[in-house]
């Protein structure tokens, strides 16, 4: 499904994941003491928090709409159970992974580098999604871009 500009939900999702990845990468750049950017100035925190909030808001809605359409008609509720499990995992898994890393390295920015790699993985996965094919396989006939 495209809007007047030819942008699909998948495009919005990719753009928002890429923007979130960029924010994490920007933080990781700050690991180097010789670099003057990477959340070393107050304006960076406010600017990137605004970008992150906008991207997360759009991605959250686009993710739910886009991927729920990949479940068979009448079984869309299964997606929301799946999405609930994913949401719960994103709350506690970073604590389990990032806590020991920060404890071992005493570097609060290192998890940002790991997060940027994982977010890049999300971008790549979303790039490979064929929304039309998935909807046809789920049983939505006559669906186009």
N, C-alpha and C. Protein backbone atom coordinates (compact mmCIF):
# COMPACT_ATOMS: atom_id res chain seq x y z
N UNK A 1 0.85 -1.18 0.00
CA UNK A 1 0.00 0.00 0.00
C UNK A 1 0.89 1.23 0.00
N UNK A 2 0.72 2.04 -1.03
CA UNK A 2 1.53 3.24 -1.18
C UNK A 2 0.66 4.48 -0.93
N UNK A 3 1.32 5.53 -0.45
CA UNK A 3 0.61 6.79 -0.32
C UNK A 3 0.85 7.62 -1.59
N UNK A 4 0.46 8.87 -1.58
CA UNK A 4 0.59 9.73 -2.76
C UNK A 4 2.04 9.90 -3.21
N UNK A 5 2.97 9.73 -2.31
CA UNK A 5 4.39 9.89 -2.64
C UNK A 5 5.06 8.58 -3.01
N UNK A 6 4.32 7.48 -2.99
CA UNK A 6 4.87 6.17 -3.34
C UNK A 6 5.62 5.51 -2.19
N UNK A 7 5.40 6.01 -0.96
CA UNK A 7 6.08 5.45 0.21
C UNK A 7 5.19 4.40 0.86
N UNK A 8 5.73 3.21 1.06
CA UNK A 8 4.97 2.14 1.69
C UNK A 8 5.25 2.11 3.19
N UNK A 9 4.46 1.31 3.90
CA UNK A 9 4.72 1.12 5.33
C UNK A 9 6.10 0.53 5.56
N UNK A 10 6.51 -0.35 4.67
CA UNK A 10 7.84 -0.94 4.79
C UNK A 10 8.92 0.14 4.66
N UNK A 11 8.72 1.09 3.75
CA UNK A 11 9.68 2.19 3.60
C UNK A 11 9.76 3.03 4.89
N UNK A 12 8.59 3.32 5.47
CA UNK A 12 8.57 4.07 6.73
C UNK A 12 9.30 3.31 7.83
N UNK A 13 9.05 2.01 7.90
CA UNK A 13 9.69 1.18 8.92
C UNK A 13 11.20 1.17 8.73
N UNK A 14 11.65 0.99 7.50
CA UNK A 14 13.08 0.99 7.21
C UNK A 14 13.70 2.34 7.59
N UNK A 15 13.05 3.42 7.21
CA UNK A 15 13.59 4.76 7.52
C UNK A 15 13.68 4.98 9.03
N UNK A 16 12.66 4.55 9.76
CA UNK A 16 12.67 4.75 11.22
C UNK A 16 13.72 3.88 11.90
N UNK A 17 13.86 2.62 11.46
CA UNK A 17 14.90 1.77 12.02
C UNK A 17 16.28 2.33 11.69
N UNK A 18 16.45 2.83 10.47
CA UNK A 18 17.74 3.41 10.08
C UNK A 18 18.05 4.66 10.91
N UNK A 19 17.04 5.48 11.17
CA UNK A 19 17.25 6.67 11.99
C UNK A 19 17.62 6.29 13.42
N UNK A 20 16.95 5.29 13.96
CA UNK A 20 17.29 4.82 15.30
C UNK A 20 18.70 4.25 15.33
N UNK A 21 19.07 3.52 14.29
CA UNK A 21 20.43 2.98 14.17
C UNK A 21 21.46 4.11 14.12
N UNK A 22 21.13 5.16 13.39
CA UNK A 22 22.02 6.32 13.30
C UNK A 22 22.21 6.97 14.67
N UNK A 23 21.13 7.09 15.43
CA UNK A 23 21.24 7.68 16.79
C UNK A 23 22.16 6.85 17.68
N UNK A 24 22.03 5.52 17.62
CA UNK A 24 22.89 4.65 18.42
C UNK A 24 24.33 4.74 17.93
N UNK A 25 24.52 4.80 16.64
CA UNK A 25 25.86 4.92 16.08
C UNK A 25 26.50 6.25 16.47
N UNK A 26 25.71 7.31 16.49
CA UNK A 26 26.21 8.63 16.91
C UNK A 26 26.74 8.56 18.34
N UNK A 27 26.01 7.86 19.20
CA UNK A 27 26.46 7.68 20.58
C UNK A 27 27.75 6.88 20.62
N UNK A 28 27.83 5.84 19.80
CA UNK A 28 29.03 4.99 19.78
C UNK A 28 30.25 5.76 19.29
N UNK A 29 30.04 6.72 18.41
CA UNK A 29 31.15 7.55 17.93
C UNK A 29 31.82 8.27 19.10
N UNK A 30 31.02 8.62 20.09
CA UNK A 30 31.53 9.32 21.26
C UNK A 30 32.45 8.50 22.13
N UNK A 31 32.62 7.19 21.84
CA UNK A 31 33.54 6.37 22.61
C UNK A 31 34.96 6.92 22.51
N UNK A 32 35.29 7.40 21.31
CA UNK A 32 36.64 7.92 21.09
C UNK A 32 36.81 9.27 21.78
N UNK A 33 37.83 9.42 22.62
CA UNK A 33 38.04 10.71 23.28
C UNK A 33 38.54 11.79 22.33
N UNK A 34 39.01 11.40 21.15
CA UNK A 34 39.54 12.39 20.21
C UNK A 34 38.46 12.98 19.30
N UNK A 35 37.22 12.53 19.44
CA UNK A 35 36.12 13.02 18.61
C UNK A 35 35.32 14.02 19.42
N UNK A 36 34.90 15.10 18.77
CA UNK A 36 34.18 16.15 19.50
C UNK A 36 32.66 15.98 19.46
N UNK A 37 32.17 14.93 18.80
CA UNK A 37 30.72 14.68 18.74
C UNK A 37 30.43 13.32 19.36
N UNK A 38 29.17 12.95 19.38
CA UNK A 38 28.80 11.65 19.94
C UNK A 38 28.25 11.80 21.35
N UNK A 39 27.30 12.70 21.50
CA UNK A 39 26.67 12.99 22.80
C UNK A 39 27.68 13.57 23.80
N UNK A 40 28.45 14.48 23.30
CA UNK A 40 29.38 15.19 24.17
C UNK A 40 28.94 16.63 24.42
N UNK A 41 27.83 17.01 23.78
CA UNK A 41 27.26 18.35 23.96
C UNK A 41 25.79 18.20 24.30
N UNK A 42 25.30 19.13 25.09
CA UNK A 42 23.92 19.06 25.54
C UNK A 42 22.92 19.06 24.37
N UNK A 43 23.17 19.87 23.33
CA UNK A 43 22.24 19.95 22.21
C UNK A 43 22.06 18.59 21.53
N UNK A 44 23.12 17.77 21.53
CA UNK A 44 23.03 16.46 20.90
C UNK A 44 21.99 15.57 21.59
N UNK A 45 21.96 15.63 22.90
CA UNK A 45 21.00 14.83 23.65
C UNK A 45 19.57 15.21 23.29
N UNK A 46 19.27 16.50 23.28
CA UNK A 46 17.91 16.94 22.98
C UNK A 46 17.53 16.67 21.53
N UNK A 47 18.43 16.97 20.61
CA UNK A 47 18.16 16.77 19.19
C UNK A 47 17.93 15.30 18.89
N UNK A 48 18.82 14.43 19.35
CA UNK A 48 18.70 13.01 19.05
C UNK A 48 17.56 12.36 19.82
N UNK A 49 17.22 12.89 20.99
CA UNK A 49 16.06 12.36 21.70
C UNK A 49 14.79 12.66 20.93
N UNK A 50 14.71 13.85 20.33
CA UNK A 50 13.55 14.19 19.51
C UNK A 50 13.48 13.27 18.28
N UNK A 51 14.62 13.07 17.61
CA UNK A 51 14.66 12.17 16.45
C UNK A 51 14.26 10.75 16.85
N UNK A 52 14.81 10.29 17.95
CA UNK A 52 14.53 8.93 18.43
C UNK A 52 13.05 8.77 18.77
N UNK A 53 12.47 9.75 19.40
CA UNK A 53 11.05 9.67 19.78
C UNK A 53 10.15 9.65 18.55
N UNK A 54 10.46 10.49 17.57
CA UNK A 54 9.67 10.51 16.34
C UNK A 54 9.79 9.18 15.61
N UNK A 55 11.02 8.69 15.48
CA UNK A 55 11.24 7.42 14.78
C UNK A 55 10.55 6.26 15.50
N UNK A 56 10.64 6.23 16.82
CA UNK A 56 10.02 5.14 17.58
C UNK A 56 8.50 5.19 17.46
N UNK A 57 7.92 6.37 17.45
CA UNK A 57 6.47 6.50 17.32
C UNK A 57 5.99 5.99 15.97
N UNK A 58 6.67 6.40 14.91
CA UNK A 58 6.27 5.98 13.57
C UNK A 58 6.53 4.48 13.38
N UNK A 59 7.70 4.02 13.81
CA UNK A 59 8.05 2.61 13.64
C UNK A 59 7.11 1.70 14.42
N UNK A 60 6.71 2.11 15.60
CA UNK A 60 5.81 1.30 16.41
C UNK A 60 4.48 1.05 15.72
N UNK A 61 3.92 2.09 15.15
CA UNK A 61 2.64 1.96 14.45
C UNK A 61 2.84 1.20 13.14
N UNK A 62 3.86 1.58 12.36
CA UNK A 62 4.10 0.94 11.07
C UNK A 62 4.39 -0.55 11.24
N UNK A 63 5.17 -0.89 12.26
CA UNK A 63 5.49 -2.30 12.52
C UNK A 63 4.23 -3.11 12.76
N UNK A 64 3.36 -2.58 13.62
CA UNK A 64 2.13 -3.31 13.95
C UNK A 64 1.24 -3.49 12.72
N UNK A 65 1.08 -2.46 11.94
CA UNK A 65 0.21 -2.54 10.77
C UNK A 65 0.83 -3.41 9.69
N UNK A 66 2.11 -3.18 9.41
CA UNK A 66 2.79 -3.92 8.34
C UNK A 66 2.84 -5.41 8.63
N UNK A 67 3.36 -5.78 9.78
CA UNK A 67 3.58 -7.19 10.05
C UNK A 67 2.32 -7.94 10.47
N UNK A 68 1.32 -7.24 11.00
CA UNK A 68 0.07 -7.95 11.31
C UNK A 68 -0.64 -8.38 10.03
N UNK A 69 -0.37 -7.69 8.93
CA UNK A 69 -0.97 -8.08 7.64
C UNK A 69 -0.30 -9.30 7.05
N UNK A 70 0.74 -9.80 7.67
CA UNK A 70 1.41 -11.00 7.17
C UNK A 70 0.89 -12.26 7.85
N UNK A 71 -0.12 -12.11 8.70
CA UNK A 71 -0.80 -13.24 9.33
C UNK A 71 -2.12 -13.48 8.59
N UNK A 72 -2.59 -14.72 8.52
CA UNK A 72 -3.82 -15.02 7.77
C UNK A 72 -5.02 -14.23 8.30
N UNK A 73 -5.95 -13.88 7.38
CA UNK A 73 -7.17 -13.16 7.81
C UNK A 73 -7.90 -13.95 8.90
N UNK A 74 -8.32 -13.24 9.92
CA UNK A 74 -9.00 -13.88 11.04
C UNK A 74 -8.04 -14.35 12.12
N UNK A 75 -6.74 -14.38 11.82
CA UNK A 75 -5.74 -14.80 12.80
C UNK A 75 -4.77 -13.67 13.15
N UNK A 76 -5.16 -12.44 12.86
CA UNK A 76 -4.28 -11.31 13.13
C UNK A 76 -3.92 -11.20 14.60
N UNK A 77 -4.79 -11.70 15.47
CA UNK A 77 -4.53 -11.62 16.90
C UNK A 77 -3.27 -12.39 17.28
N UNK A 78 -2.91 -13.40 16.49
CA UNK A 78 -1.68 -14.14 16.75
C UNK A 78 -0.47 -13.22 16.66
N UNK A 79 -0.54 -12.26 15.74
CA UNK A 79 0.57 -11.31 15.63
C UNK A 79 0.75 -10.53 16.92
N UNK A 80 -0.35 -10.11 17.52
CA UNK A 80 -0.23 -9.28 18.72
C UNK A 80 0.34 -10.07 19.89
N UNK A 81 0.10 -11.37 19.95
CA UNK A 81 0.77 -12.20 20.94
C UNK A 81 2.26 -12.28 20.65
N UNK A 82 2.59 -12.44 19.38
CA UNK A 82 3.99 -12.47 18.94
C UNK A 82 4.66 -11.14 19.26
N UNK A 83 3.97 -10.05 18.97
CA UNK A 83 4.52 -8.72 19.22
C UNK A 83 4.69 -8.47 20.71
N UNK A 84 3.80 -9.00 21.54
CA UNK A 84 3.93 -8.86 22.99
C UNK A 84 5.19 -9.55 23.48
N UNK A 85 5.45 -10.75 22.98
CA UNK A 85 6.67 -11.48 23.36
C UNK A 85 7.90 -10.69 22.93
N UNK A 86 7.88 -10.14 21.70
CA UNK A 86 9.01 -9.32 21.24
C UNK A 86 9.21 -8.10 22.12
N UNK A 87 8.12 -7.43 22.49
CA UNK A 87 8.21 -6.24 23.33
C UNK A 87 8.79 -6.56 24.70
N UNK A 88 8.34 -7.66 25.29
CA UNK A 88 8.87 -8.04 26.59
C UNK A 88 10.36 -8.39 26.49
N UNK A 89 10.73 -9.04 25.39
CA UNK A 89 12.13 -9.39 25.19
C UNK A 89 13.01 -8.17 25.05
N UNK A 90 12.50 -7.14 24.40
CA UNK A 90 13.31 -5.93 24.22
C UNK A 90 13.47 -5.14 25.51
N UNK A 91 12.67 -5.46 26.50
CA UNK A 91 12.82 -4.78 27.79
C UNK A 91 13.91 -5.43 28.64
N UNK A 92 13.92 -6.75 28.72
CA UNK A 92 14.87 -7.39 29.65
C UNK A 92 16.14 -7.90 29.00
N UNK A 93 16.12 -8.24 27.73
CA UNK A 93 17.34 -8.76 27.08
C UNK A 93 18.47 -7.72 27.07
N UNK A 94 18.20 -6.45 26.74
CA UNK A 94 19.31 -5.48 26.79
C UNK A 94 19.94 -5.36 28.18
N UNK A 95 19.13 -5.51 29.21
CA UNK A 95 19.69 -5.43 30.57
C UNK A 95 20.64 -6.59 30.83
N UNK A 96 20.28 -7.76 30.35
CA UNK A 96 21.13 -8.94 30.54
C UNK A 96 22.41 -8.84 29.73
N UNK A 97 22.31 -8.29 28.52
CA UNK A 97 23.48 -8.18 27.64
C UNK A 97 24.33 -6.97 28.00
N UNK A 98 23.70 -5.82 28.15
CA UNK A 98 24.46 -4.58 28.37
C UNK A 98 25.05 -4.46 29.77
N UNK A 99 24.37 -4.97 30.76
CA UNK A 99 24.87 -4.88 32.14
C UNK A 99 26.27 -5.46 32.30
N UNK A 100 26.47 -6.71 31.92
CA UNK A 100 27.81 -7.29 32.05
C UNK A 100 28.87 -6.59 31.18
N UNK A 101 28.47 -6.09 30.01
CA UNK A 101 29.42 -5.39 29.15
C UNK A 101 29.90 -4.10 29.82
N UNK A 102 28.96 -3.34 30.35
CA UNK A 102 29.33 -2.10 31.03
C UNK A 102 30.13 -2.41 32.28
N UNK A 103 29.73 -3.44 33.01
CA UNK A 103 30.45 -3.81 34.23
C UNK A 103 31.89 -4.23 33.92
N UNK A 104 32.08 -4.99 32.84
CA UNK A 104 33.42 -5.48 32.50
C UNK A 104 34.31 -4.40 31.92
N UNK A 105 33.71 -3.48 31.14
CA UNK A 105 34.54 -2.47 30.45
C UNK A 105 34.51 -1.11 31.11
N UNK A 106 33.53 -0.87 31.97
CA UNK A 106 33.33 0.43 32.61
C UNK A 106 33.11 1.52 31.57
N UNK A 107 32.53 1.13 30.41
CA UNK A 107 32.26 2.06 29.33
C UNK A 107 30.75 2.08 29.08
N UNK A 108 30.11 3.19 29.40
CA UNK A 108 28.67 3.30 29.26
C UNK A 108 28.22 3.42 27.80
N UNK A 109 29.13 3.72 26.90
CA UNK A 109 28.78 3.89 25.49
C UNK A 109 28.90 2.62 24.67
N UNK A 110 29.58 1.63 25.15
CA UNK A 110 29.79 0.40 24.39
C UNK A 110 28.48 -0.29 24.00
N UNK A 111 27.45 -0.32 24.85
CA UNK A 111 26.18 -0.92 24.42
C UNK A 111 25.57 -0.20 23.20
N UNK A 112 25.88 1.07 23.01
CA UNK A 112 25.37 1.78 21.83
C UNK A 112 25.95 1.20 20.55
N UNK A 113 27.21 0.79 20.60
CA UNK A 113 27.82 0.16 19.42
C UNK A 113 27.14 -1.18 19.12
N UNK A 114 26.86 -1.94 20.16
CA UNK A 114 26.18 -3.22 19.98
C UNK A 114 24.75 -2.99 19.48
N UNK A 115 24.09 -2.00 20.05
CA UNK A 115 22.72 -1.69 19.62
C UNK A 115 22.67 -1.23 18.17
N UNK A 116 23.66 -0.45 17.75
CA UNK A 116 23.66 0.00 16.36
C UNK A 116 23.82 -1.18 15.41
N UNK A 117 24.61 -2.18 15.79
CA UNK A 117 24.76 -3.38 14.95
C UNK A 117 23.44 -4.15 14.90
N UNK A 118 22.76 -4.28 16.02
CA UNK A 118 21.48 -4.99 16.05
C UNK A 118 20.40 -4.22 15.28
N UNK A 119 20.43 -2.89 15.39
CA UNK A 119 19.46 -2.09 14.65
C UNK A 119 19.73 -2.15 13.15
N UNK A 120 20.98 -2.22 12.77
CA UNK A 120 21.32 -2.39 11.36
C UNK A 120 20.77 -3.73 10.85
N UNK A 121 20.84 -4.75 11.69
CA UNK A 121 20.27 -6.05 11.36
C UNK A 121 18.76 -5.92 11.12
N UNK A 122 18.06 -5.11 11.94
CA UNK A 122 16.62 -4.88 11.75
C UNK A 122 16.35 -4.21 10.41
N UNK A 123 17.19 -3.25 10.05
CA UNK A 123 17.03 -2.58 8.75
C UNK A 123 17.17 -3.59 7.62
N UNK A 124 18.20 -4.44 7.70
CA UNK A 124 18.44 -5.43 6.65
C UNK A 124 17.27 -6.42 6.57
N UNK A 125 16.79 -6.89 7.70
CA UNK A 125 15.66 -7.82 7.72
C UNK A 125 14.43 -7.18 7.08
N UNK A 126 14.16 -5.93 7.44
CA UNK A 126 12.99 -5.24 6.90
C UNK A 126 13.15 -4.98 5.40
N UNK A 127 14.38 -4.76 4.96
CA UNK A 127 14.63 -4.60 3.52
C UNK A 127 14.28 -5.87 2.74
N UNK A 128 14.41 -7.01 3.38
CA UNK A 128 14.16 -8.28 2.68
C UNK A 128 12.69 -8.70 2.69
N UNK A 129 11.86 -8.01 3.47
CA UNK A 129 10.45 -8.36 3.54
C UNK A 129 9.76 -7.98 2.24
N UNK A 130 9.07 -8.93 1.64
CA UNK A 130 8.25 -8.67 0.46
C UNK A 130 6.80 -8.64 0.94
N UNK A 131 6.33 -7.45 1.21
CA UNK A 131 5.00 -7.27 1.82
C UNK A 131 3.90 -7.88 0.96
N UNK A 132 3.93 -7.64 -0.33
CA UNK A 132 2.89 -8.17 -1.22
C UNK A 132 2.89 -9.69 -1.24
N UNK A 133 4.06 -10.29 -1.34
CA UNK A 133 4.17 -11.75 -1.35
C UNK A 133 3.68 -12.33 -0.02
N UNK A 134 4.07 -11.72 1.08
CA UNK A 134 3.64 -12.19 2.39
C UNK A 134 2.14 -12.11 2.56
N UNK A 135 1.53 -11.03 2.06
CA UNK A 135 0.09 -10.90 2.17
C UNK A 135 -0.62 -11.94 1.31
N UNK A 136 -0.07 -12.22 0.13
CA UNK A 136 -0.66 -13.26 -0.72
C UNK A 136 -0.55 -14.62 -0.03
N UNK A 137 0.62 -14.91 0.57
CA UNK A 137 0.80 -16.18 1.27
C UNK A 137 -0.11 -16.27 2.48
N UNK A 138 -0.40 -15.15 3.11
CA UNK A 138 -1.29 -15.15 4.27
C UNK A 138 -2.75 -15.29 3.89
N UNK A 139 -3.06 -15.14 2.59
CA UNK A 139 -4.43 -15.32 2.14
C UNK A 139 -5.16 -14.07 1.75
N UNK A 140 -4.47 -12.95 1.68
CA UNK A 140 -5.07 -11.70 1.21
C UNK A 140 -4.88 -11.65 -0.30
N UNK A 141 -5.92 -12.00 -1.04
CA UNK A 141 -5.83 -12.04 -2.50
C UNK A 141 -6.03 -10.63 -3.06
N UNK A 142 -5.40 -10.39 -4.18
CA UNK A 142 -5.56 -9.12 -4.89
C UNK A 142 -4.90 -7.95 -4.22
N UNK A 143 -3.92 -8.22 -3.36
CA UNK A 143 -3.23 -7.12 -2.69
C UNK A 143 -2.05 -6.69 -3.54
N UNK A 144 -1.88 -5.44 -3.64
CA UNK A 144 -0.77 -4.90 -4.39
C UNK A 144 0.04 -3.96 -3.54
N UNK A 145 1.00 -3.33 -4.17
CA UNK A 145 1.86 -2.38 -3.44
C UNK A 145 1.09 -1.15 -3.07
